[in-house]
Amino acid sequence: MENAQLFDAGNKGRGLRATKDLSAGDVVFSEPGFAAVVFDSMAANVCHNCFRRKSQLHRCAQCRFAYYCDRTCQTACWEEHRLECAAIRKIVTAPNQQVRLAARVMWRIHKETAIASDSQLVAVDKLKDHVTDLGEEALKQLQANVSSFFDYWSSGSKKHSADYISHIFGIIKCNGFNLSDQHGLQAVGVGLFPNLCLVNHDCWPNCTVILNNGKYVPVCLCRIELRALGKISEGQELTVSYVDYLNLSADRQKMLKGRYFFECTCDHCTQHTKDDLMIAAAESKVSDHYFLSDCLYPMLCKPMAVLSGDGRLCQVARLCCETLKKQENVLADTHLYKLRVLNSASEALSYLRCYSEAADYARKMLDGYAKLYHPNSGQLGLAVMKAGVTHWHAGQIEHGHGLLCKAYSILLITHGPNHAITRDLESMRAQTEIELKMFKQNERENHAMRQEVLKDNSAADKKI
């Protein structure tokens, strides 16, 4: 933590600020997870130690709930899983992810206290819980989780009050950080990172968070890095974004208030920066967003992989294409809803292997993204990478290679050179470069052969 220090951030409470000048791509700090669990829905598809997705995992023979890549991951996780394993066997069925995470937090507090290392700036149980701000339904769910926790958790004669366990659940709700798979493309779990919890929100942040960064260390794989997105001056507050920027400022404020219980007063919210672009019309003014058909919008909320299982991808692609055609001269390419339809159209057509059409929509989507997202945004980098792959599959090698190079330059900053997705991207970039050289070489050879044929034909014509 030599690059960051705790300070009083005024109305925002505690915060972290830089102790020296930082540049884009610099690692501000790295932090192991205090406790982390796999999502209920991903329990059988993700390693419970390293959070990597694999098709074949080895199941714990005792509780038959936890899965691991191999013996190495299982051994590395045993110290954490030992008590969990016994607790699951006691109640037969594993509880939900919030209860499992709360139990892991409590077991670790009992083992190491609420501060696990010298670099941890604040005790886990000293983080904000916002329990008093919860609505009626959320409070009922919390109380149900507390009850389930006491049925599940045990640690000898050590007992805790319901209020204290409610406090732990409140901390998890407000501070839990979603963990992605090894490619950084899908959330597969949730964890607590005490130092990261101290980094405040800004809709246009100067830092980003990435999990693991690809360094395979079996004893501690659940590790995040806080990375600088650009130049940060000494003494400047470190910020990350808690929500996706591609929402109107009022909608972002509503999401932040509902989930994190604070009013966002960052410059982009108070000045409504780029709101005009996100609702911009093309040739005529549009008074509302309701250009999506009733049958299309629900499908856009589902992942494409789920829709492919339902056999509805063709319907999604058709509806997206029809909608975009109708709105071609109505909404600007930066309009939020149009961007969402462009993204869905590109993804659906890619799944259907209609790569040329998918590439066309991806290109239009990137034009809008580039005007809205931070130039070093991880979301932008991943979108550019996907578009590059789509163009590559469509046979548009030169354009695809250019996009992959652009994506690589962004992900070097947001993910670092050692992250799995950056390494995969570098391999694709190298492959497209080879193919592009071969294509240009063949093009030159074909052009030379064509010129020779034309010369021969011209000579023959003169003889005639």
Protein backbone atom coordinates (compact mmCIF):
# COMPACT_ATOMS: atom_id res chain seq x y z
CA MET A 1 0.00 0.00 0.00
CA GLU A 2 2.95 2.38 -0.44
CA ASN A 3 1.16 4.11 -3.35
CA ALA A 4 -2.03 4.91 -1.41
CA GLN A 5 -3.02 6.24 1.99
CA LEU A 6 -6.25 6.57 3.95
CA PHE A 7 -7.71 10.08 4.35
CA ASP A 8 -10.90 11.90 5.33
CA ALA A 9 -12.85 12.47 2.09
CA GLY A 10 -15.39 14.83 3.65
CA ASN A 11 -19.02 14.02 2.80
CA LYS A 12 -17.91 10.76 1.19
CA GLY A 13 -16.41 9.52 4.46
CA ARG A 14 -13.12 7.68 4.23
CA GLY A 15 -11.17 7.48 1.00
CA LEU A 16 -7.79 6.65 -0.49
CA ARG A 17 -5.42 9.09 -2.20
CA ALA A 18 -2.19 8.69 -4.12
CA THR A 19 1.08 9.12 -2.22
CA LYS A 20 3.05 9.77 -5.44
CA ASP A 21 2.50 10.57 -9.12
CA LEU A 22 1.12 7.61 -11.10
CA SER A 23 0.84 6.89 -14.82
CA ALA A 24 -1.65 4.93 -16.94
CA GLY A 25 -1.31 1.20 -16.31
CA ASP A 26 0.52 1.55 -12.97
CA VAL A 27 -0.60 -0.86 -10.26
CA VAL A 28 -1.71 1.34 -7.36
CA PHE A 29 -2.02 -1.65 -5.03
CA SER A 30 -2.69 -5.36 -5.06
CA GLU A 31 -4.86 -7.05 -2.43
CA PRO A 32 -5.80 -10.65 -1.62
CA GLY A 33 -9.43 -11.37 -0.85
CA PHE A 34 -10.40 -11.51 2.82
CA ALA A 35 -13.10 -14.04 1.88
CA ALA A 36 -14.77 -15.07 -1.38
CA VAL A 37 -17.30 -17.60 -2.69
CA VAL A 38 -18.62 -18.80 -6.04
CA PHE A 39 -22.16 -17.76 -7.05
CA ASP A 40 -24.87 -20.35 -6.38
CA SER A 41 -25.64 -20.54 -10.11
CA MET A 42 -21.97 -21.22 -10.99
CA ALA A 43 -21.14 -23.65 -8.17
CA ALA A 44 -20.61 -26.66 -10.47
CA ASN A 45 -18.95 -24.76 -13.33
CA VAL A 46 -16.23 -22.75 -11.58
CA CYS A 47 -13.26 -23.74 -9.42
CA HIS A 48 -13.98 -22.70 -5.82
CA ASN A 49 -10.32 -21.78 -5.34
CA CYS A 50 -9.15 -19.93 -8.45
CA PHE A 51 -12.57 -18.96 -9.94
CA ARG A 52 -11.61 -20.31 -13.35
CA ARG A 53 -14.33 -21.77 -15.56
CA LYS A 54 -13.63 -25.31 -16.76
CA SER A 55 -15.67 -28.00 -18.47
CA GLN A 56 -14.42 -30.77 -16.18
CA LEU A 57 -13.95 -30.10 -12.47
CA HIS A 58 -13.26 -32.41 -9.53
CA ARG A 59 -15.94 -32.42 -6.82
CA CYS A 60 -15.23 -32.54 -3.10
CA ALA A 61 -16.02 -36.13 -2.10
CA GLN A 62 -17.25 -35.12 1.36
CA CYS A 63 -19.70 -32.22 0.91
CA ARG A 64 -20.18 -32.83 -2.84
CA PHE A 65 -20.77 -29.09 -3.29
CA ALA A 66 -17.33 -27.57 -3.92
CA TYR A 67 -15.51 -28.11 -7.23
CA TYR A 68 -11.83 -27.67 -8.08
CA CYS A 69 -9.57 -27.63 -11.13
CA ASP A 70 -7.31 -30.30 -9.67
CA ARG A 71 -5.64 -31.52 -6.49
CA THR A 72 -3.46 -28.40 -6.36
CA CYS A 73 -6.46 -26.06 -6.13
CA GLN A 74 -8.27 -28.35 -3.70
CA THR A 75 -5.26 -28.53 -1.38
CA ALA A 76 -4.73 -24.76 -1.56
CA CYS A 77 -8.37 -24.15 -0.62
CA TRP A 78 -8.68 -26.82 2.07
CA GLU A 79 -7.89 -24.52 4.99
CA GLU A 80 -10.84 -22.30 4.00
CA HIS A 81 -13.11 -25.14 2.88
CA ARG A 82 -12.55 -27.42 5.89
CA LEU A 83 -15.09 -25.72 8.17
CA GLU A 84 -17.40 -24.97 5.27
CA CYS A 85 -17.33 -28.63 4.24
CA ALA A 86 -18.40 -29.79 7.71
CA ALA A 87 -21.14 -27.13 7.89
CA ILE A 88 -22.62 -28.17 4.53
CA ARG A 89 -22.63 -31.82 5.54
CA LYS A 90 -24.41 -30.88 8.76
CA ILE A 91 -27.37 -29.20 7.00
CA VAL A 92 -27.13 -31.41 3.84
CA THR A 93 -27.77 -28.59 1.33
CA ALA A 94 -25.43 -25.61 0.95
CA PRO A 95 -27.03 -22.23 1.80
CA ASN A 96 -27.03 -19.25 -0.56
CA GLN A 97 -23.91 -17.32 -1.50
CA GLN A 98 -24.50 -14.49 1.01
CA VAL A 99 -24.69 -16.96 3.91
CA ARG A 100 -21.64 -18.88 2.68
CA LEU A 101 -19.64 -15.65 2.34
CA ALA A 102 -20.72 -14.39 5.77
CA ALA A 103 -19.63 -17.70 7.30
CA ARG A 104 -16.23 -17.51 5.59
CA VAL A 105 -15.80 -13.96 6.86
CA MET A 106 -16.61 -15.04 10.42
CA TRP A 107 -14.33 -18.09 10.31
CA ARG A 108 -11.49 -15.88 9.14
CA ILE A 109 -12.20 -13.27 11.81
CA HIS A 110 -11.99 -16.00 14.44
CA LYS A 111 -8.76 -17.29 12.97
CA GLU A 112 -6.91 -14.04 12.24
CA THR A 113 -9.11 -11.28 13.71
CA ALA A 114 -10.75 -8.77 11.34
CA ILE A 115 -7.33 -7.63 10.07
CA ALA A 116 -5.56 -10.35 8.10
CA SER A 117 -2.31 -8.55 7.22
CA ASP A 118 -0.21 -5.47 8.03
CA SER A 119 -1.20 -3.88 4.70
CA GLN A 120 -4.93 -4.00 5.54
CA LEU A 121 -5.96 -0.44 6.41
CA VAL A 122 -9.22 -1.15 8.22
CA ALA A 123 -10.81 -4.11 10.00
CA VAL A 124 -13.50 -5.88 7.98
CA ASP A 125 -16.14 -5.39 10.67
CA LYS A 126 -15.44 -1.64 10.73
CA LEU A 127 -16.74 -1.18 7.18
CA LYS A 128 -20.09 0.52 6.57
CA ASP A 129 -23.19 -1.73 6.58
CA HIS A 130 -26.16 0.65 5.85
CA VAL A 131 -28.50 -1.84 7.53
CA THR A 132 -30.67 1.04 8.81
CA ASP A 133 -31.12 2.24 5.20
CA LEU A 134 -32.52 -1.05 3.90
CA GLY A 135 -36.06 -1.21 2.59
CA GLU A 136 -38.70 -3.59 3.91
CA GLU A 137 -38.06 -6.40 1.41
CA ALA A 138 -34.26 -6.18 1.72
CA LEU A 139 -34.57 -6.22 5.51
CA LYS A 140 -36.73 -9.36 5.39
CA GLN A 141 -34.14 -11.06 3.20
CA LEU A 142 -31.36 -10.04 5.57
CA GLN A 143 -33.25 -11.47 8.56
CA ALA A 144 -33.83 -14.73 6.67
CA ASN A 145 -30.12 -14.90 5.89
CA VAL A 146 -29.24 -14.33 9.55
CA SER A 147 -31.51 -17.20 10.57
CA SER A 148 -30.00 -19.45 7.90
CA PHE A 149 -26.52 -18.41 9.03
CA PHE A 150 -27.06 -19.63 12.61
CA ASP A 151 -28.34 -23.00 11.32
CA TYR A 152 -25.28 -23.33 9.11
CA TRP A 153 -22.40 -21.76 11.02
CA SER A 154 -20.65 -23.11 14.07
CA SER A 155 -17.29 -22.39 15.67
CA GLY A 156 -17.04 -24.17 18.99
CA SER A 157 -18.39 -22.18 21.92
CA LYS A 158 -17.99 -18.78 20.22
CA LYS A 159 -21.32 -17.02 19.84
CA HIS A 160 -22.38 -13.76 18.21
CA SER A 161 -25.51 -11.64 18.46
CA ALA A 162 -28.00 -11.38 15.63
CA ASP A 163 -27.18 -7.66 15.38
CA TYR A 164 -23.50 -8.37 14.77
CA ILE A 165 -24.25 -10.97 12.08
CA SER A 166 -26.74 -8.53 10.50
CA HIS A 167 -23.89 -6.03 10.45
CA ILE A 168 -21.71 -8.53 8.55
CA PHE A 169 -24.47 -9.17 6.01
CA GLY A 170 -24.90 -5.42 5.55
CA ILE A 171 -21.17 -5.06 4.88
CA ILE A 172 -21.34 -7.83 2.27
CA LYS A 173 -24.34 -6.22 0.55
CA CYS A 174 -22.68 -2.80 0.28
CA ASN A 175 -19.06 -3.83 -0.25
CA GLY A 176 -19.10 -7.18 -2.02
CA PHE A 177 -17.02 -7.15 -5.22
CA ASN A 178 -18.04 -9.39 -8.13
CA LEU A 179 -15.30 -11.77 -9.24
CA SER A 180 -14.94 -12.60 -12.93
CA ASP A 181 -13.72 -15.76 -14.63
CA GLN A 182 -10.21 -16.08 -16.04
CA HIS A 183 -11.22 -14.23 -19.22
CA GLY A 184 -12.83 -11.35 -17.34
CA LEU A 185 -16.03 -11.76 -19.34
CA GLN A 186 -18.50 -13.17 -16.79
CA ALA A 187 -19.08 -12.62 -13.08
CA VAL A 188 -18.78 -15.97 -11.29
CA GLY A 189 -18.46 -15.09 -7.59
CA VAL A 190 -18.32 -12.42 -4.91
CA GLY A 191 -15.63 -11.44 -2.39
CA LEU A 192 -14.62 -8.89 0.21
CA PHE A 193 -11.48 -6.77 -0.25
CA PRO A 194 -11.17 -4.36 2.73
CA ASN A 195 -8.75 -1.86 1.14
CA LEU A 196 -10.71 -1.79 -2.12
CA CYS A 197 -13.85 -0.99 -0.08
CA LEU A 198 -12.21 2.31 0.88
CA VAL A 199 -11.94 3.50 -2.74
CA ASN A 200 -14.84 5.88 -3.46
CA HIS A 201 -16.98 6.06 -6.58
CA ASP A 202 -16.76 8.45 -9.50
CA CYS A 203 -18.66 8.02 -12.77
CA TRP A 204 -15.49 9.06 -14.64
CA PRO A 205 -12.88 7.33 -12.42
CA ASN A 206 -9.10 7.49 -12.51
CA CYS A 207 -8.66 3.80 -11.59
CA THR A 208 -10.07 0.40 -12.48
CA VAL A 209 -10.15 -2.94 -10.65
CA ILE A 210 -9.18 -6.27 -12.15
CA LEU A 211 -9.20 -9.74 -10.59
CA ASN A 212 -6.19 -12.05 -10.44
CA ASN A 213 -4.23 -10.46 -13.33
CA GLY A 214 -3.34 -13.97 -14.51
CA LYS A 215 -0.52 -14.70 -12.07
CA TYR A 216 -1.07 -18.31 -11.06
CA VAL A 217 -0.25 -18.55 -7.36
CA PRO A 218 -2.25 -21.51 -5.97
CA VAL A 219 -2.07 -20.44 -2.32
CA CYS A 220 -3.67 -17.05 -3.02
CA LEU A 221 -5.46 -16.81 -6.35
CA CYS A 222 -8.27 -14.49 -5.30
CA ARG A 223 -6.38 -11.20 -5.66
CA ILE A 224 -7.36 -7.88 -7.16
CA GLU A 225 -5.28 -5.07 -8.63
CA LEU A 226 -6.21 -1.41 -8.60
CA ARG A 227 -4.73 0.08 -11.78
CA ALA A 228 -4.42 3.72 -12.86
CA LEU A 229 -6.35 4.66 -16.02
CA GLY A 230 -4.27 7.78 -16.63
CA LYS A 231 -2.01 10.28 -14.92
CA ILE A 232 -2.79 10.66 -11.21
CA SER A 233 -1.03 13.36 -9.22
CA GLU A 234 0.30 12.91 -5.71
CA GLY A 235 -2.47 13.67 -3.19
CA GLN A 236 -5.27 13.12 -5.71
CA GLU A 237 -8.15 10.89 -4.57
CA LEU A 238 -8.28 7.41 -6.08
CA THR A 239 -11.69 6.51 -7.55
CA VAL A 240 -13.40 3.64 -9.35
CA SER A 241 -16.85 3.38 -10.92
CA TYR A 242 -19.40 1.22 -9.11
CA VAL A 243 -21.79 1.20 -12.11
CA ASP A 244 -21.56 1.12 -15.90
CA TYR A 245 -21.12 4.64 -17.28
CA LEU A 246 -23.47 3.90 -20.20
CA ASN A 247 -26.53 5.15 -18.35
CA LEU A 248 -28.03 8.61 -18.00
CA SER A 249 -26.71 10.52 -15.00
CA ALA A 250 -30.12 10.36 -13.26
CA ASP A 251 -30.26 6.58 -13.78
CA ARG A 252 -26.72 6.13 -12.45
CA GLN A 253 -27.61 8.19 -9.39
CA LYS A 254 -30.70 6.07 -8.85
CA MET A 255 -28.70 2.84 -9.08
CA LEU A 256 -26.04 4.12 -6.68
CA LYS A 257 -28.65 5.32 -4.21
CA GLY A 258 -30.50 2.01 -4.32
CA ARG A 259 -27.44 -0.23 -3.99
CA TYR A 260 -24.87 1.87 -2.10
CA PHE A 261 -27.07 4.46 -0.33
CA PHE A 262 -25.33 7.68 -1.40
CA GLU A 263 -26.04 10.59 -3.74
CA CYS A 264 -23.44 10.80 -6.49
CA THR A 265 -22.19 14.37 -6.87
CA CYS A 266 -19.35 13.73 -9.30
CA ASP A 267 -18.81 16.24 -12.12
CA HIS A 268 -20.35 13.97 -14.76
CA CYS A 269 -23.56 13.62 -12.73
CA THR A 270 -23.94 17.23 -11.59
CA GLN A 271 -23.16 18.57 -15.08
CA HIS A 272 -25.10 15.77 -16.85
CA THR A 273 -22.05 15.18 -19.03
CA LYS A 274 -22.81 13.28 -22.26
CA ASP A 275 -26.48 12.86 -21.35
CA ASP A 276 -27.31 14.75 -24.55
CA LEU A 277 -25.40 12.18 -26.62
CA MET A 278 -27.04 9.24 -24.84
CA ILE A 279 -30.53 10.43 -25.87
CA ALA A 280 -29.55 12.14 -29.13
CA ALA A 281 -31.78 12.03 -32.18
CA ALA A 282 -30.45 11.69 -35.71
CA GLU A 283 -32.67 13.80 -37.98
CA SER A 284 -35.71 14.46 -35.84
CA LYS A 285 -36.28 15.04 -32.15
CA VAL A 286 -37.42 12.01 -30.19
CA SER A 287 -39.41 12.61 -27.03
CA ASP A 288 -38.95 9.16 -25.46
CA HIS A 289 -36.97 5.93 -25.62
CA TYR A 290 -39.84 3.56 -26.42
CA PHE A 291 -38.70 2.37 -29.80
CA LEU A 292 -38.04 -1.21 -28.66
CA SER A 293 -40.84 -3.67 -29.26
CA ASP A 294 -42.40 -5.43 -26.28
CA CYS A 295 -41.07 -8.81 -27.43
CA LEU A 296 -37.52 -7.55 -28.09
CA TYR A 297 -36.64 -5.73 -24.88
CA PRO A 298 -37.06 -8.72 -22.50
CA MET A 299 -34.77 -10.76 -24.72
CA LEU A 300 -32.08 -8.09 -24.70
CA CYS A 301 -31.86 -8.55 -20.92
CA LYS A 302 -30.82 -12.20 -21.36
CA PRO A 303 -27.29 -13.38 -22.21
CA MET A 304 -26.94 -14.64 -25.78
CA ALA A 305 -25.76 -18.05 -24.50
CA VAL A 306 -29.09 -18.50 -22.69
CA LEU A 307 -31.08 -17.48 -25.76
CA SER A 308 -29.15 -19.93 -27.94
CA GLY A 309 -30.35 -22.72 -25.65
CA ASP A 310 -33.92 -21.53 -26.18
CA GLY A 311 -33.46 -21.49 -29.93
CA ARG A 312 -34.50 -17.84 -30.03
CA LEU A 313 -31.32 -16.31 -31.45
CA CYS A 314 -32.77 -16.09 -34.94
CA GLN A 315 -35.73 -14.20 -33.53
CA VAL A 316 -33.45 -11.83 -31.62
CA ALA A 317 -31.32 -11.16 -34.70
CA ARG A 318 -34.38 -10.56 -36.89
CA LEU A 319 -36.06 -8.20 -34.41
CA CYS A 320 -32.83 -6.27 -33.79
CA CYS A 321 -32.20 -5.83 -37.51
CA GLU A 322 -35.79 -4.73 -38.16
CA THR A 323 -35.70 -2.28 -35.24
CA LEU A 324 -32.38 -0.78 -36.35
CA LYS A 325 -33.63 -0.36 -39.89
CA LYS A 326 -36.74 1.49 -38.71
CA GLN A 327 -34.68 3.75 -36.42
CA GLU A 328 -31.81 4.37 -38.83
CA ASN A 329 -32.62 8.05 -39.35
CA VAL A 330 -34.33 8.66 -36.03
CA LEU A 331 -31.79 7.97 -33.26
CA ALA A 332 -28.11 8.90 -33.23
CA ASP A 333 -25.49 6.14 -32.98
CA THR A 334 -24.72 7.30 -29.43
CA HIS A 335 -28.29 6.76 -28.22
CA LEU A 336 -28.22 4.28 -25.33
CA TYR A 337 -31.05 2.06 -26.54
CA LYS A 338 -29.70 1.98 -30.08
CA LEU A 339 -26.29 0.94 -28.75
CA ARG A 340 -27.89 -1.88 -26.76
CA VAL A 341 -29.70 -3.15 -29.85
CA LEU A 342 -26.53 -2.87 -31.95
CA ASN A 343 -24.66 -4.90 -29.34
CA SER A 344 -27.39 -7.56 -29.20
CA ALA A 345 -27.59 -7.73 -32.99
CA SER A 346 -23.83 -8.20 -33.29
CA GLU A 347 -23.73 -10.88 -30.57
CA ALA A 348 -26.74 -12.79 -31.93
CA LEU A 349 -25.40 -12.76 -35.50
CA SER A 350 -21.95 -13.87 -34.25
CA TYR A 351 -23.54 -16.84 -32.46
CA LEU A 352 -25.34 -17.65 -35.73
CA ARG A 353 -21.98 -17.35 -37.58
CA CYS A 354 -23.25 -14.49 -39.75
CA TYR A 355 -19.96 -12.69 -39.21
CA SER A 356 -20.10 -10.10 -41.99
CA GLU A 357 -23.44 -8.74 -40.81
CA ALA A 358 -22.28 -8.93 -37.17
CA ALA A 359 -19.14 -6.93 -38.06
CA ASP A 360 -21.22 -4.16 -39.63
CA TYR A 361 -23.27 -3.71 -36.47
CA ALA A 362 -20.19 -3.99 -34.23
CA ARG A 363 -18.50 -1.19 -36.18
CA LYS A 364 -21.48 1.15 -35.69
CA MET A 365 -21.62 0.24 -32.00
CA LEU A 366 -17.92 1.07 -31.52
CA ASP A 367 -18.43 4.47 -33.13
CA GLY A 368 -20.94 5.26 -30.38
CA TYR A 369 -18.88 3.71 -27.60
CA ALA A 370 -15.82 5.74 -28.55
CA LYS A 371 -17.77 8.99 -28.03
CA LEU A 372 -19.12 7.94 -24.64
CA TYR A 373 -16.68 5.72 -22.75
CA HIS A 374 -13.41 6.75 -21.11
CA PRO A 375 -10.67 6.08 -23.73
CA ASN A 376 -8.99 3.62 -21.36
CA SER A 377 -12.20 1.99 -20.15
CA GLY A 378 -12.07 -1.77 -19.72
CA GLN A 379 -15.61 -2.03 -21.16
CA LEU A 380 -14.45 -0.22 -24.29
CA GLY A 381 -11.36 -2.42 -24.57
CA LEU A 382 -13.40 -5.64 -24.35
CA ALA A 383 -15.95 -4.32 -26.87
CA VAL A 384 -13.15 -3.44 -29.32
CA MET A 385 -11.64 -6.90 -28.83
CA LYS A 386 -14.96 -8.64 -29.57
CA ALA A 387 -15.44 -6.47 -32.66
CA GLY A 388 -11.91 -7.32 -33.81
CA VAL A 389 -12.58 -11.05 -33.48
CA THR A 390 -15.87 -10.65 -35.38
CA HIS A 391 -14.15 -8.83 -38.25
CA TRP A 392 -11.41 -11.48 -38.27
CA HIS A 393 -14.01 -14.28 -38.56
CA ALA A 394 -15.72 -12.30 -41.31
CA GLY A 395 -12.50 -12.40 -43.33
CA GLN A 396 -11.88 -8.67 -42.89
CA ILE A 397 -8.38 -9.36 -41.62
CA GLU A 398 -6.89 -5.88 -41.93
CA HIS A 399 -9.74 -4.20 -40.06
CA GLY A 400 -9.86 -7.00 -37.51
CA HIS A 401 -6.12 -6.75 -36.87
CA GLY A 402 -6.37 -2.98 -36.37
CA LEU A 403 -9.15 -3.41 -33.81
CA LEU A 404 -7.26 -6.14 -31.95
CA CYS A 405 -4.20 -3.86 -31.76
CA LYS A 406 -6.36 -1.05 -30.38
CA ALA A 407 -7.96 -3.39 -27.83
CA TYR A 408 -4.52 -4.64 -26.78
CA SER A 409 -3.31 -1.09 -26.07
CA ILE A 410 -6.34 -0.51 -23.80
CA LEU A 411 -6.18 -3.85 -21.98
CA LEU A 412 -2.48 -3.41 -21.27
CA ILE A 413 -3.58 -0.48 -19.09
CA THR A 414 -6.74 -1.95 -17.57
CA HIS A 415 -5.69 -5.61 -17.19
CA GLY A 416 -1.90 -5.61 -17.49
CA PRO A 417 0.33 -7.82 -19.68
CA ASN A 418 -0.01 -10.94 -17.50
CA HIS A 419 -3.79 -11.22 -17.40
CA ALA A 420 -5.18 -14.26 -19.24
CA ILE A 421 -7.35 -12.18 -21.55
CA THR A 422 -4.42 -9.92 -22.48
CA ARG A 423 -2.28 -12.94 -23.30
CA ASP A 424 -5.09 -14.43 -25.39
CA LEU A 425 -5.51 -11.11 -27.17
CA GLU A 426 -1.79 -10.92 -27.92
CA SER A 427 -1.95 -14.42 -29.48
CA MET A 428 -4.88 -13.36 -31.68
CA ARG A 429 -3.08 -10.16 -32.60
CA ALA A 430 0.02 -12.12 -33.61
CA GLN A 431 -2.08 -14.59 -35.65
CA THR A 432 -3.92 -11.84 -37.54
CA GLU A 433 -0.60 -10.11 -38.21
CA ILE A 434 0.76 -13.30 -39.82
CA GLU A 435 -2.41 -13.75 -41.85
CA LEU A 436 -2.35 -10.12 -42.92
CA LYS A 437 1.27 -10.43 -44.13
CA MET A 438 0.40 -13.59 -46.04
CA PHE A 439 -2.66 -11.92 -47.54
CA LYS A 440 -0.66 -8.86 -48.65
CA GLN A 441 2.11 -11.07 -50.01
CA ASN A 442 -0.39 -13.11 -52.00
CA GLU A 443 -2.07 -9.91 -53.12
CA ARG A 444 1.27 -8.60 -54.43
CA GLU A 445 2.02 -11.90 -56.13
CA ASN A 446 -1.46 -12.00 -57.69
CA HIS A 447 -1.07 -8.38 -58.79
CA ALA A 448 2.35 -9.14 -60.34
CA MET A 449 0.95 -12.19 -62.14
CA ARG A 450 -1.98 -10.10 -63.39
CA GLN A 451 0.40 -7.44 -64.71
CA GLU A 452 2.44 -10.09 -66.52
CA VAL A 453 -0.72 -11.49 -68.12
CA LEU A 454 -1.79 -7.99 -69.17
CA LYS A 455 1.67 -7.38 -70.70
CA ASP A 456 1.53 -10.67 -72.60
CA ASN A 457 -1.97 -9.86 -73.86
CA SER A 458 -0.83 -6.39 -74.91
CA ALA A 459 2.16 -7.86 -76.80
CA ALA A 460 -0.11 -10.35 -78.52
CA ASP A 461 -2.53 -7.59 -79.53
CA LYS A 462 0.34 -5.62 -81.11
CA LYS A 463 1.42 -8.63 -83.14
CA ILE A 464 -2.14 -9.06 -84.39
